[in-house]
Amino acid sequence: MTGALIGIALISLGMVLTPGPNMIYLISRSIAQGRRAGLISLTGVFLGFTVYLAATCLGLTAVFAYVPAAYTALKLAGAAYLLWLAWNAVKPGGTSAFQPRDLPVERPAKLFSMGLLTCLLNPKIAILYLSLLPQFIDPAMGHVLLQSLALGSVQIVVATTVNGLIAISAGSLAAFLAARPLWVRIQRYVMGTVLGGFAISMATDRSKAVVSA
């Protein structure tokens, strides 16, 4: 079980450090409205993680294994969203996630709900819970529900900690990049390329949802 916990922790760390909807939203909100707004948004993201974990433990995600079309639709929708993010990063006049912008000041309830929705619609998180998490569960050890809770809790702790650090440091990093326009441009194109690559990979992936026995 220790090996499985370490494995899911490493995968979670790699995924959360890869630019995606959660990271982009938290960075943008923290820069535009301050650290407090970013951390409030993070509480919504945290609830989104918890919802996915609860769904996995209750077996609701098995629907995607038995209805392949639904799983395919989820991946295609996620790929389209990533392509849209990539285009907004590289298009003429596009902006970096770390570039200050004028976003409307939202109330805490709206910040929370936007963070929750961003997480629930995040294709990376959906795929992690639908396809990856069950592969670390060993039915022979028994207590499948407890294994799912333990593994999912590790993912939530890793993702929430890293996202929290991103929200807190986004303003400082934005100020650093503001004095270096070339770096901003490079960062923007790198992010767009990475997001586009993930979108293509997701759209062409033929793997099926895996459900623990």
N, C-alpha and C. Protein backbone atom coordinates (compact mmCIF):
# COMPACT_ATOMS: atom_id res chain seq x y z
N MET A 1 0.83 -1.21 0.00
CA MET A 1 0.00 0.00 0.00
C MET A 1 0.86 1.25 0.00
N THR A 2 2.01 1.17 0.68
CA THR A 2 2.90 2.33 0.72
C THR A 2 3.38 2.69 -0.67
N GLY A 3 3.72 1.66 -1.47
CA GLY A 3 4.15 1.92 -2.84
C GLY A 3 3.08 2.58 -3.67
N ALA A 4 1.82 2.16 -3.47
CA ALA A 4 0.71 2.75 -4.21
C ALA A 4 0.52 4.21 -3.82
N LEU A 5 0.65 4.51 -2.53
CA LEU A 5 0.50 5.90 -2.05
C LEU A 5 1.58 6.79 -2.64
N ILE A 6 2.82 6.27 -2.67
CA ILE A 6 3.92 7.06 -3.24
C ILE A 6 3.70 7.25 -4.74
N GLY A 7 3.24 6.19 -5.40
CA GLY A 7 3.01 6.27 -6.84
C GLY A 7 1.96 7.31 -7.19
N ILE A 8 0.82 7.29 -6.49
CA ILE A 8 -0.24 8.24 -6.80
C ILE A 8 0.19 9.66 -6.44
N ALA A 9 1.04 9.80 -5.40
CA ALA A 9 1.53 11.12 -5.02
C ALA A 9 2.41 11.70 -6.12
N LEU A 10 3.28 10.87 -6.70
CA LEU A 10 4.17 11.34 -7.77
C LEU A 10 3.38 11.71 -9.02
N ILE A 11 2.40 10.87 -9.37
CA ILE A 11 1.57 11.17 -10.54
C ILE A 11 0.78 12.45 -10.32
N SER A 12 0.23 12.61 -9.12
CA SER A 12 -0.55 13.81 -8.80
C SER A 12 0.33 15.06 -8.89
N LEU A 13 1.58 14.94 -8.41
CA LEU A 13 2.49 16.08 -8.46
C LEU A 13 2.80 16.46 -9.90
N GLY A 14 3.06 15.45 -10.73
CA GLY A 14 3.35 15.73 -12.14
C GLY A 14 2.18 16.37 -12.85
N MET A 15 0.97 15.90 -12.54
CA MET A 15 -0.21 16.44 -13.21
C MET A 15 -0.53 17.86 -12.75
N VAL A 16 -0.38 18.14 -11.46
CA VAL A 16 -0.74 19.46 -10.96
C VAL A 16 0.27 20.52 -11.42
N LEU A 17 1.51 20.10 -11.72
CA LEU A 17 2.52 21.04 -12.20
C LEU A 17 2.40 21.30 -13.69
N THR A 18 1.57 20.51 -14.37
CA THR A 18 1.34 20.72 -15.80
C THR A 18 0.24 21.76 -15.98
N PRO A 19 0.48 22.78 -16.81
CA PRO A 19 -0.54 23.82 -17.00
C PRO A 19 -1.88 23.23 -17.38
N GLY A 20 -2.91 23.63 -16.69
CA GLY A 20 -4.26 23.14 -16.95
C GLY A 20 -5.28 24.14 -16.47
N PRO A 21 -6.57 23.82 -16.59
CA PRO A 21 -7.63 24.77 -16.21
C PRO A 21 -7.53 25.26 -14.77
N ASN A 22 -7.27 24.36 -13.81
CA ASN A 22 -7.19 24.80 -12.42
C ASN A 22 -6.07 25.81 -12.22
N MET A 23 -4.88 25.48 -12.73
CA MET A 23 -3.74 26.36 -12.56
C MET A 23 -3.99 27.72 -13.21
N ILE A 24 -4.49 27.70 -14.43
CA ILE A 24 -4.72 28.96 -15.16
C ILE A 24 -5.75 29.83 -14.44
N TYR A 25 -6.82 29.20 -13.97
CA TYR A 25 -7.85 29.98 -13.28
C TYR A 25 -7.32 30.57 -11.98
N LEU A 26 -6.63 29.77 -11.17
CA LEU A 26 -6.13 30.24 -9.88
C LEU A 26 -5.10 31.36 -10.06
N ILE A 27 -4.24 31.20 -11.05
CA ILE A 27 -3.24 32.25 -11.33
C ILE A 27 -3.94 33.54 -11.73
N SER A 28 -4.86 33.44 -12.68
CA SER A 28 -5.55 34.64 -13.17
C SER A 28 -6.32 35.33 -12.05
N ARG A 29 -7.01 34.57 -11.23
CA ARG A 29 -7.82 35.17 -10.17
C ARG A 29 -6.94 35.78 -9.08
N SER A 30 -5.84 35.11 -8.74
CA SER A 30 -4.95 35.63 -7.71
C SER A 30 -4.30 36.93 -8.14
N ILE A 31 -3.89 37.00 -9.42
CA ILE A 31 -3.26 38.22 -9.93
C ILE A 31 -4.27 39.36 -10.01
N ALA A 32 -5.47 39.05 -10.50
CA ALA A 32 -6.46 40.10 -10.73
C ALA A 32 -7.11 40.60 -9.44
N GLN A 33 -7.28 39.72 -8.46
CA GLN A 33 -8.06 40.09 -7.28
C GLN A 33 -7.34 39.84 -5.96
N GLY A 34 -6.13 39.32 -6.02
CA GLY A 34 -5.36 39.14 -4.80
C GLY A 34 -5.33 37.70 -4.30
N ARG A 35 -4.40 37.45 -3.37
CA ARG A 35 -4.21 36.10 -2.84
C ARG A 35 -5.47 35.56 -2.17
N ARG A 36 -6.18 36.41 -1.45
CA ARG A 36 -7.37 35.94 -0.73
C ARG A 36 -8.39 35.38 -1.72
N ALA A 37 -8.58 36.08 -2.83
CA ALA A 37 -9.53 35.60 -3.84
C ALA A 37 -9.06 34.27 -4.43
N GLY A 38 -7.75 34.15 -4.63
CA GLY A 38 -7.21 32.90 -5.16
C GLY A 38 -7.41 31.75 -4.21
N LEU A 39 -7.24 32.00 -2.92
CA LEU A 39 -7.39 30.93 -1.93
C LEU A 39 -8.86 30.56 -1.74
N ILE A 40 -9.76 31.55 -1.85
CA ILE A 40 -11.19 31.23 -1.78
C ILE A 40 -11.58 30.36 -2.97
N SER A 41 -11.05 30.71 -4.15
CA SER A 41 -11.30 29.89 -5.34
C SER A 41 -10.77 28.49 -5.14
N LEU A 42 -9.65 28.38 -4.44
CA LEU A 42 -9.03 27.08 -4.19
C LEU A 42 -9.94 26.18 -3.35
N THR A 43 -10.73 26.78 -2.45
CA THR A 43 -11.65 25.96 -1.65
C THR A 43 -12.69 25.30 -2.56
N GLY A 44 -13.09 25.99 -3.62
CA GLY A 44 -14.01 25.39 -4.59
C GLY A 44 -13.34 24.25 -5.34
N VAL A 45 -12.07 24.46 -5.71
CA VAL A 45 -11.31 23.40 -6.38
C VAL A 45 -11.19 22.18 -5.46
N PHE A 46 -10.94 22.45 -4.18
CA PHE A 46 -10.82 21.37 -3.19
C PHE A 46 -12.11 20.55 -3.14
N LEU A 47 -13.26 21.23 -3.14
CA LEU A 47 -14.53 20.52 -3.11
C LEU A 47 -14.71 19.69 -4.38
N GLY A 48 -14.24 20.22 -5.51
CA GLY A 48 -14.31 19.47 -6.76
C GLY A 48 -13.54 18.17 -6.67
N PHE A 49 -12.33 18.22 -6.09
CA PHE A 49 -11.56 16.99 -5.88
C PHE A 49 -12.35 16.01 -5.02
N THR A 50 -12.98 16.53 -3.96
CA THR A 50 -13.72 15.69 -3.03
C THR A 50 -14.92 15.03 -3.72
N VAL A 51 -15.58 15.77 -4.60
CA VAL A 51 -16.72 15.22 -5.34
C VAL A 51 -16.27 14.06 -6.21
N TYR A 52 -15.15 14.22 -6.90
CA TYR A 52 -14.64 13.15 -7.74
C TYR A 52 -14.26 11.93 -6.91
N LEU A 53 -13.65 12.16 -5.74
CA LEU A 53 -13.27 11.05 -4.88
C LEU A 53 -14.52 10.32 -4.38
N ALA A 54 -15.53 11.06 -3.97
CA ALA A 54 -16.76 10.43 -3.50
C ALA A 54 -17.41 9.61 -4.61
N ALA A 55 -17.42 10.16 -5.83
CA ALA A 55 -18.01 9.45 -6.96
C ALA A 55 -17.26 8.15 -7.24
N THR A 56 -15.93 8.22 -7.14
CA THR A 56 -15.12 7.03 -7.37
C THR A 56 -15.39 5.97 -6.32
N CYS A 57 -15.45 6.39 -5.05
CA CYS A 57 -15.68 5.44 -3.96
C CYS A 57 -17.07 4.82 -4.03
N LEU A 58 -18.04 5.56 -4.55
CA LEU A 58 -19.40 5.06 -4.65
C LEU A 58 -19.63 4.25 -5.92
N GLY A 59 -18.61 4.20 -6.75
CA GLY A 59 -18.72 3.41 -7.97
C GLY A 59 -19.46 4.10 -9.09
N LEU A 60 -19.77 5.39 -8.95
CA LEU A 60 -20.53 6.08 -10.00
C LEU A 60 -19.74 6.21 -11.29
N THR A 61 -18.40 6.25 -11.18
CA THR A 61 -17.60 6.40 -12.39
C THR A 61 -17.59 5.13 -13.24
N ALA A 62 -18.14 4.03 -12.70
CA ALA A 62 -18.21 2.80 -13.49
C ALA A 62 -19.09 3.00 -14.72
N VAL A 63 -19.94 3.99 -14.68
CA VAL A 63 -20.81 4.28 -15.82
C VAL A 63 -19.98 4.49 -17.08
N PHE A 64 -18.84 5.17 -16.93
CA PHE A 64 -18.01 5.47 -18.09
C PHE A 64 -17.35 4.21 -18.66
N ALA A 65 -17.16 3.20 -17.80
CA ALA A 65 -16.58 1.95 -18.30
C ALA A 65 -17.60 1.15 -19.09
N TYR A 66 -18.86 1.26 -18.68
CA TYR A 66 -19.92 0.48 -19.34
C TYR A 66 -20.62 1.26 -20.45
N VAL A 67 -20.36 2.55 -20.50
CA VAL A 67 -20.89 3.38 -21.60
C VAL A 67 -19.71 4.11 -22.24
N PRO A 68 -18.95 3.41 -23.09
CA PRO A 68 -17.75 3.99 -23.69
C PRO A 68 -17.99 5.32 -24.40
N ALA A 69 -19.18 5.50 -24.98
CA ALA A 69 -19.47 6.73 -25.70
C ALA A 69 -19.43 7.94 -24.76
N ALA A 70 -19.89 7.74 -23.52
CA ALA A 70 -19.87 8.83 -22.55
C ALA A 70 -18.44 9.20 -22.19
N TYR A 71 -17.59 8.20 -22.05
CA TYR A 71 -16.18 8.45 -21.72
C TYR A 71 -15.49 9.16 -22.88
N THR A 72 -15.79 8.72 -24.11
CA THR A 72 -15.22 9.37 -25.29
C THR A 72 -15.66 10.82 -25.38
N ALA A 73 -16.94 11.06 -25.10
CA ALA A 73 -17.46 12.43 -25.13
C ALA A 73 -16.76 13.32 -24.10
N LEU A 74 -16.50 12.75 -22.92
CA LEU A 74 -15.80 13.50 -21.88
C LEU A 74 -14.41 13.90 -22.34
N LYS A 75 -13.69 12.95 -22.95
CA LYS A 75 -12.33 13.25 -23.39
C LYS A 75 -12.32 14.26 -24.53
N LEU A 76 -13.27 14.14 -25.47
CA LEU A 76 -13.32 15.08 -26.59
C LEU A 76 -13.67 16.49 -26.11
N ALA A 77 -14.59 16.57 -25.14
CA ALA A 77 -14.94 17.88 -24.59
C ALA A 77 -13.74 18.50 -23.87
N GLY A 78 -13.02 17.67 -23.14
CA GLY A 78 -11.83 18.16 -22.46
C GLY A 78 -10.76 18.60 -23.45
N ALA A 79 -10.59 17.84 -24.53
CA ALA A 79 -9.60 18.20 -25.55
C ALA A 79 -9.96 19.52 -26.22
N ALA A 80 -11.26 19.71 -26.51
CA ALA A 80 -11.70 20.97 -27.12
C ALA A 80 -11.44 22.16 -26.20
N TYR A 81 -11.66 21.94 -24.91
CA TYR A 81 -11.42 23.01 -23.93
C TYR A 81 -9.93 23.36 -23.87
N LEU A 82 -9.08 22.34 -23.88
CA LEU A 82 -7.64 22.59 -23.84
C LEU A 82 -7.18 23.30 -25.12
N LEU A 83 -7.75 22.92 -26.26
CA LEU A 83 -7.41 23.60 -27.52
C LEU A 83 -7.81 25.07 -27.47
N TRP A 84 -8.96 25.34 -26.87
CA TRP A 84 -9.41 26.73 -26.73
C TRP A 84 -8.45 27.52 -25.85
N LEU A 85 -8.00 26.92 -24.76
CA LEU A 85 -7.02 27.57 -23.89
C LEU A 85 -5.70 27.80 -24.62
N ALA A 86 -5.28 26.79 -25.41
CA ALA A 86 -4.03 26.90 -26.16
C ALA A 86 -4.11 28.04 -27.18
N TRP A 87 -5.22 28.13 -27.89
CA TRP A 87 -5.40 29.18 -28.89
C TRP A 87 -5.38 30.56 -28.25
N ASN A 88 -6.02 30.69 -27.10
CA ASN A 88 -6.03 31.97 -26.41
C ASN A 88 -4.64 32.38 -25.92
N ALA A 89 -3.76 31.40 -25.75
CA ALA A 89 -2.40 31.70 -25.31
C ALA A 89 -1.52 32.14 -26.47
N VAL A 90 -1.68 31.53 -27.64
CA VAL A 90 -0.75 31.80 -28.76
C VAL A 90 -1.32 32.73 -29.82
N LYS A 91 -2.59 33.02 -29.81
CA LYS A 91 -3.17 33.86 -30.85
C LYS A 91 -2.59 35.27 -30.78
N PRO A 92 -2.60 35.99 -31.90
CA PRO A 92 -2.11 37.37 -31.89
C PRO A 92 -2.84 38.19 -30.83
N GLY A 93 -2.08 38.85 -29.99
CA GLY A 93 -2.68 39.61 -28.91
C GLY A 93 -3.03 38.78 -27.70
N GLY A 94 -2.68 37.49 -27.74
CA GLY A 94 -2.96 36.61 -26.61
C GLY A 94 -2.16 37.02 -25.39
N THR A 95 -2.57 36.54 -24.24
CA THR A 95 -1.91 36.92 -22.99
C THR A 95 -1.46 35.69 -22.23
N SER A 96 -0.48 35.89 -21.36
CA SER A 96 0.02 34.83 -20.50
C SER A 96 -0.87 34.69 -19.29
N ALA A 97 -0.91 33.49 -18.71
CA ALA A 97 -1.67 33.29 -17.48
C ALA A 97 -1.12 34.16 -16.36
N PHE A 98 0.17 34.49 -16.45
CA PHE A 98 0.80 35.30 -15.41
C PHE A 98 0.76 36.80 -15.72
N GLN A 99 0.12 37.17 -16.81
CA GLN A 99 0.04 38.58 -17.20
C GLN A 99 -1.19 39.22 -16.56
N PRO A 100 -1.00 40.31 -15.82
CA PRO A 100 -2.14 40.96 -15.16
C PRO A 100 -3.23 41.33 -16.16
N ARG A 101 -4.48 41.17 -15.76
CA ARG A 101 -5.60 41.50 -16.64
C ARG A 101 -6.75 42.03 -15.80
N ASP A 102 -7.65 42.68 -16.46
CA ASP A 102 -8.81 43.23 -15.77
C ASP A 102 -9.92 42.19 -15.71
N LEU A 103 -10.08 41.59 -14.57
CA LEU A 103 -11.18 40.66 -14.34
C LEU A 103 -12.15 41.32 -13.36
N PRO A 104 -13.43 41.08 -13.53
CA PRO A 104 -14.38 41.67 -12.60
C PRO A 104 -14.15 41.15 -11.19
N VAL A 105 -14.26 42.02 -10.21
CA VAL A 105 -14.12 41.62 -8.82
C VAL A 105 -15.37 40.83 -8.42
N GLU A 106 -15.16 39.60 -8.01
CA GLU A 106 -16.28 38.72 -7.68
C GLU A 106 -16.40 38.55 -6.17
N ARG A 107 -17.61 38.26 -5.73
CA ARG A 107 -17.85 38.00 -4.31
C ARG A 107 -17.35 36.60 -3.96
N PRO A 108 -17.08 36.33 -2.67
CA PRO A 108 -16.56 35.03 -2.26
C PRO A 108 -17.39 33.86 -2.77
N ALA A 109 -18.72 33.97 -2.73
CA ALA A 109 -19.56 32.86 -3.18
C ALA A 109 -19.32 32.56 -4.66
N LYS A 110 -19.15 33.60 -5.47
CA LYS A 110 -18.91 33.41 -6.90
C LYS A 110 -17.52 32.83 -7.13
N LEU A 111 -16.55 33.29 -6.36
CA LEU A 111 -15.19 32.75 -6.48
C LEU A 111 -15.19 31.26 -6.17
N PHE A 112 -15.90 30.90 -5.10
CA PHE A 112 -15.97 29.49 -4.69
C PHE A 112 -16.63 28.65 -5.78
N SER A 113 -17.74 29.11 -6.31
CA SER A 113 -18.48 28.33 -7.32
C SER A 113 -17.68 28.21 -8.61
N MET A 114 -16.96 29.26 -8.98
CA MET A 114 -16.14 29.21 -10.20
C MET A 114 -14.99 28.23 -10.03
N GLY A 115 -14.38 28.21 -8.84
CA GLY A 115 -13.33 27.24 -8.57
C GLY A 115 -13.84 25.82 -8.63
N LEU A 116 -15.04 25.59 -8.07
CA LEU A 116 -15.65 24.27 -8.09
C LEU A 116 -15.93 23.83 -9.52
N LEU A 117 -16.54 24.70 -10.31
CA LEU A 117 -16.90 24.35 -11.69
C LEU A 117 -15.66 24.09 -12.52
N THR A 118 -14.62 24.90 -12.33
CA THR A 118 -13.38 24.71 -13.08
C THR A 118 -12.79 23.34 -12.80
N CYS A 119 -12.83 22.92 -11.54
CA CYS A 119 -12.29 21.61 -11.16
C CYS A 119 -13.14 20.48 -11.72
N LEU A 120 -14.46 20.60 -11.61
CA LEU A 120 -15.35 19.54 -12.08
C LEU A 120 -15.24 19.33 -13.59
N LEU A 121 -14.94 20.41 -14.32
CA LEU A 121 -14.83 20.32 -15.78
C LEU A 121 -13.39 20.11 -16.24
N ASN A 122 -12.48 19.91 -15.28
CA ASN A 122 -11.07 19.73 -15.61
C ASN A 122 -10.84 18.31 -16.14
N PRO A 123 -10.50 18.16 -17.42
CA PRO A 123 -10.34 16.81 -17.98
C PRO A 123 -9.21 16.03 -17.33
N LYS A 124 -8.17 16.72 -16.86
CA LYS A 124 -7.06 16.01 -16.22
C LYS A 124 -7.53 15.30 -14.96
N ILE A 125 -8.35 15.98 -14.15
CA ILE A 125 -8.82 15.39 -12.90
C ILE A 125 -9.78 14.24 -13.18
N ALA A 126 -10.64 14.43 -14.17
CA ALA A 126 -11.59 13.37 -14.52
C ALA A 126 -10.85 12.11 -14.94
N ILE A 127 -9.83 12.26 -15.79
CA ILE A 127 -9.09 11.10 -16.28
C ILE A 127 -8.30 10.47 -15.15
N LEU A 128 -7.75 11.28 -14.25
CA LEU A 128 -6.99 10.73 -13.13
C LEU A 128 -7.86 9.82 -12.28
N TYR A 129 -9.07 10.26 -11.97
CA TYR A 129 -9.94 9.46 -11.12
C TYR A 129 -10.59 8.30 -11.87
N LEU A 130 -10.88 8.51 -13.15
CA LEU A 130 -11.57 7.46 -13.91
C LEU A 130 -10.63 6.35 -14.36
N SER A 131 -9.40 6.70 -14.70
CA SER A 131 -8.50 5.73 -15.31
C SER A 131 -7.30 5.35 -14.47
N LEU A 132 -6.73 6.32 -13.77
CA LEU A 132 -5.47 6.05 -13.07
C LEU A 132 -5.65 5.53 -11.65
N LEU A 133 -6.52 6.16 -10.88
CA LEU A 133 -6.67 5.79 -9.47
C LEU A 133 -7.00 4.30 -9.29
N PRO A 134 -7.96 3.74 -10.06
CA PRO A 134 -8.30 2.33 -9.86
C PRO A 134 -7.13 1.38 -10.08
N GLN A 135 -6.13 1.79 -10.88
CA GLN A 135 -5.00 0.91 -11.17
C GLN A 135 -4.09 0.72 -9.96
N PHE A 136 -4.20 1.58 -8.95
CA PHE A 136 -3.37 1.47 -7.75
C PHE A 136 -4.09 0.69 -6.65
N ILE A 137 -5.32 0.29 -6.91
CA ILE A 137 -6.09 -0.45 -5.91
C ILE A 137 -5.88 -1.95 -6.09
N ASP A 138 -5.57 -2.63 -5.01
CA ASP A 138 -5.34 -4.07 -5.04
C ASP A 138 -6.49 -4.78 -4.33
N PRO A 139 -7.41 -5.36 -5.08
CA PRO A 139 -8.56 -6.03 -4.46
C PRO A 139 -8.15 -7.14 -3.49
N ALA A 140 -6.97 -7.74 -3.73
CA ALA A 140 -6.52 -8.83 -2.87
C ALA A 140 -6.26 -8.36 -1.44
N MET A 141 -6.00 -7.07 -1.28
CA MET A 141 -5.74 -6.53 0.05
C MET A 141 -7.03 -6.27 0.81
N GLY A 142 -8.16 -6.33 0.11
CA GLY A 142 -9.44 -6.05 0.76
C GLY A 142 -9.62 -4.57 1.03
N HIS A 143 -10.77 -4.22 1.62
CA HIS A 143 -11.05 -2.83 1.99
C HIS A 143 -10.83 -1.87 0.79
N VAL A 144 -11.46 -2.22 -0.34
CA VAL A 144 -11.30 -1.41 -1.54
C VAL A 144 -11.73 0.04 -1.31
N LEU A 145 -12.81 0.20 -0.53
CA LEU A 145 -13.28 1.56 -0.25
C LEU A 145 -12.23 2.35 0.52
N LEU A 146 -11.61 1.73 1.53
CA LEU A 146 -10.59 2.42 2.30
C LEU A 146 -9.36 2.72 1.46
N GLN A 147 -9.00 1.79 0.57
CA GLN A 147 -7.87 2.05 -0.34
C GLN A 147 -8.17 3.25 -1.23
N SER A 148 -9.39 3.31 -1.75
CA SER A 148 -9.78 4.43 -2.62
C SER A 148 -9.71 5.75 -1.86
N LEU A 149 -10.20 5.75 -0.62
CA LEU A 149 -10.17 6.96 0.20
C LEU A 149 -8.75 7.40 0.49
N ALA A 150 -7.88 6.44 0.80
CA ALA A 150 -6.49 6.77 1.12
C ALA A 150 -5.76 7.34 -0.10
N LEU A 151 -5.91 6.67 -1.24
CA LEU A 151 -5.24 7.12 -2.45
C LEU A 151 -5.78 8.48 -2.91
N GLY A 152 -7.10 8.62 -2.87
CA GLY A 152 -7.70 9.89 -3.27
C GLY A 152 -7.32 11.02 -2.34
N SER A 153 -7.19 10.73 -1.06
CA SER A 153 -6.81 11.76 -0.09
C SER A 153 -5.40 12.25 -0.35
N VAL A 154 -4.50 11.34 -0.74
CA VAL A 154 -3.13 11.74 -1.07
C VAL A 154 -3.14 12.68 -2.27
N GLN A 155 -3.94 12.32 -3.28
CA GLN A 155 -4.03 13.20 -4.46
C GLN A 155 -4.55 14.58 -4.08
N ILE A 156 -5.56 14.62 -3.24
CA ILE A 156 -6.16 15.90 -2.84
C ILE A 156 -5.15 16.75 -2.07
N VAL A 157 -4.41 16.12 -1.16
CA VAL A 157 -3.42 16.86 -0.37
C VAL A 157 -2.34 17.44 -1.27
N VAL A 158 -1.81 16.63 -2.18
CA VAL A 158 -0.76 17.09 -3.08
C VAL A 158 -1.26 18.23 -3.97
N ALA A 159 -2.41 18.01 -4.60
CA ALA A 159 -2.94 19.01 -5.54
C ALA A 159 -3.31 20.32 -4.83
N THR A 160 -3.93 20.21 -3.66
CA THR A 160 -4.34 21.41 -2.94
C THR A 160 -3.14 22.19 -2.45
N THR A 161 -2.11 21.50 -1.96
CA THR A 161 -0.91 22.17 -1.47
C THR A 161 -0.20 22.92 -2.60
N VAL A 162 -0.01 22.25 -3.73
CA VAL A 162 0.68 22.88 -4.86
C VAL A 162 -0.13 24.05 -5.42
N ASN A 163 -1.44 23.83 -5.58
CA ASN A 163 -2.28 24.91 -6.09
C ASN A 163 -2.32 26.10 -5.13
N GLY A 164 -2.27 25.81 -3.82
CA GLY A 164 -2.23 26.90 -2.85
C GLY A 164 -0.96 27.72 -2.97
N LEU A 165 0.17 27.04 -3.15
CA LEU A 165 1.45 27.75 -3.33
C LEU A 165 1.43 28.59 -4.61
N ILE A 166 0.78 28.05 -5.65
CA ILE A 166 0.67 28.80 -6.91
C ILE A 166 -0.17 30.05 -6.71
N ALA A 167 -1.29 29.92 -6.01
CA ALA A 167 -2.16 31.07 -5.78
C ALA A 167 -1.45 32.15 -4.96
N ILE A 168 -0.66 31.73 -3.98
CA ILE A 168 0.02 32.68 -3.10
C ILE A 168 1.16 33.40 -3.83
N SER A 169 1.87 32.67 -4.70
CA SER A 169 3.05 33.25 -5.35
C SER A 169 2.77 33.84 -6.72
N ALA A 170 1.53 33.73 -7.22
CA ALA A 170 1.23 34.18 -8.58
C ALA A 170 1.53 35.66 -8.78
N GLY A 171 1.19 36.49 -7.80
CA GLY A 171 1.42 37.92 -7.92
C GLY A 171 2.89 38.26 -8.03
N SER A 172 3.71 37.62 -7.22
CA SER A 172 5.15 37.88 -7.25
C SER A 172 5.76 37.44 -8.58
N LEU A 173 5.33 36.29 -9.07
CA LEU A 173 5.85 35.80 -10.34
C LEU A 173 5.39 36.69 -11.49
N ALA A 174 4.17 37.18 -11.40
CA ALA A 174 3.67 38.09 -12.44
C ALA A 174 4.50 39.37 -12.48
N ALA A 175 4.85 39.90 -11.31
CA ALA A 175 5.67 41.11 -11.24
C ALA A 175 7.05 40.85 -11.84
N PHE A 176 7.59 39.67 -11.58
CA PHE A 176 8.90 39.29 -12.13
C PHE A 176 8.85 39.26 -13.65
N LEU A 177 7.79 38.64 -14.19
CA LEU A 177 7.68 38.53 -15.64
C LEU A 177 7.33 39.85 -16.30
N ALA A 178 6.65 40.73 -15.57
CA ALA A 178 6.25 42.02 -16.14
C ALA A 178 7.47 42.84 -16.55
N ALA A 179 8.57 42.66 -15.85
CA ALA A 179 9.80 43.40 -16.18
C ALA A 179 10.60 42.71 -17.28
N ARG A 180 10.10 41.58 -17.76
CA ARG A 180 10.82 40.81 -18.78
C ARG A 180 9.84 40.37 -19.86
N PRO A 181 9.47 41.27 -20.77
CA PRO A 181 8.47 40.97 -21.81
C PRO A 181 8.80 39.75 -22.66
N LEU A 182 10.09 39.52 -22.94
CA LEU A 182 10.47 38.38 -23.75
C LEU A 182 10.12 37.08 -23.03
N TRP A 183 10.35 37.05 -21.72
CA TRP A 183 10.02 35.87 -20.94
C TRP A 183 8.52 35.59 -20.95
N VAL A 184 7.74 36.66 -20.91
CA VAL A 184 6.29 36.50 -20.95
C VAL A 184 5.86 35.87 -22.27
N ARG A 185 6.48 36.34 -23.36
CA ARG A 185 6.13 35.80 -24.67
C ARG A 185 6.52 34.32 -24.78
N ILE A 186 7.72 34.00 -24.30
CA ILE A 186 8.17 32.61 -24.34
C ILE A 186 7.25 31.73 -23.49
N GLN A 187 6.93 32.21 -22.28
CA GLN A 187 6.07 31.44 -21.40
C GLN A 187 4.70 31.20 -22.02
N ARG A 188 4.19 32.24 -22.72
CA ARG A 188 2.88 32.13 -23.35
C ARG A 188 2.87 31.06 -24.44
N TYR A 189 3.92 31.05 -25.29
CA TYR A 189 3.97 30.08 -26.37
C TYR A 189 4.26 28.67 -25.85
N VAL A 190 5.08 28.57 -24.81
CA VAL A 190 5.33 27.25 -24.23
C VAL A 190 4.04 26.68 -23.65
N MET A 191 3.30 27.52 -22.91
CA MET A 191 2.05 27.04 -22.32
C MET A 191 1.06 26.63 -23.41
N GLY A 192 0.96 27.44 -24.46
CA GLY A 192 0.04 27.12 -25.55
C GLY A 192 0.41 25.82 -26.24
N THR A 193 1.72 25.61 -26.43
CA THR A 193 2.18 24.39 -27.08
C THR A 193 1.90 23.16 -26.21
N VAL A 194 2.15 23.29 -24.92
CA VAL A 194 1.91 22.17 -24.01
C VAL A 194 0.42 21.83 -23.97
N LEU A 195 -0.42 22.85 -23.85
CA LEU A 195 -1.86 22.61 -23.79
C LEU A 195 -2.35 21.99 -25.10
N GLY A 196 -1.84 22.48 -26.21
CA GLY A 196 -2.23 21.93 -27.50
C GLY A 196 -1.81 20.48 -27.65
N GLY A 197 -0.61 20.17 -27.16
CA GLY A 197 -0.13 18.79 -27.21
C GLY A 197 -1.00 17.86 -26.39
N PHE A 198 -1.38 18.32 -25.19
CA PHE A 198 -2.26 17.51 -24.36
C PHE A 198 -3.62 17.33 -25.02
N ALA A 199 -4.11 18.37 -25.68
CA ALA A 199 -5.42 18.28 -26.34
C ALA A 199 -5.39 17.23 -27.45
N ILE A 200 -4.34 17.24 -28.26
CA ILE A 200 -4.22 16.27 -29.35
C ILE A 200 -4.08 14.86 -28.79
N SER A 201 -3.25 14.72 -27.75
CA SER A 201 -3.05 13.41 -27.13
C SER A 201 -4.35 12.87 -26.56
N MET A 202 -5.12 13.75 -25.92
CA MET A 202 -6.38 13.33 -25.32
C MET A 202 -7.41 12.95 -26.39
N ALA A 203 -7.45 13.74 -27.46
CA ALA A 203 -8.44 13.48 -28.51
C ALA A 203 -8.15 12.20 -29.27
N THR A 204 -6.87 11.82 -29.39
CA THR A 204 -6.51 10.62 -30.15
C THR A 204 -6.34 9.39 -29.27
N ASP A 205 -6.44 9.57 -27.96
CA ASP A 205 -6.28 8.44 -27.04
C ASP A 205 -7.44 7.46 -27.19
N ARG A 206 -7.15 6.18 -27.27
CA ARG A 206 -8.19 5.16 -27.46
C ARG A 206 -8.35 4.28 -26.20
N SER A 207 -7.73 4.68 -25.10
CA SER A 207 -7.86 3.88 -23.89
C SER A 207 -9.27 3.96 -23.34
N LYS A 208 -9.66 2.97 -22.56
CA LYS A 208 -10.98 2.90 -21.97
C LYS A 208 -10.92 3.17 -20.49
N ALA A 209 -12.02 3.58 -19.92
CA ALA A 209 -12.07 3.81 -18.48
C ALA A 209 -11.84 2.49 -17.74
N VAL A 210 -11.08 2.56 -16.66
CA VAL A 210 -10.77 1.37 -15.87
C VAL A 210 -11.49 1.44 -14.54
N VAL A 211 -12.13 0.37 -14.17
CA VAL A 211 -12.87 0.34 -12.90
C VAL A 211 -12.29 -0.78 -12.04
N SER A 212 -12.03 -0.47 -10.80
CA SER A 212 -11.47 -1.48 -9.90
C SER A 212 -12.49 -2.56 -9.61
N ALA A 213 -12.03 -3.77 -9.52
CA ALA A 213 -12.92 -4.89 -9.24
C ALA A 213 -13.15 -5.02 -7.74
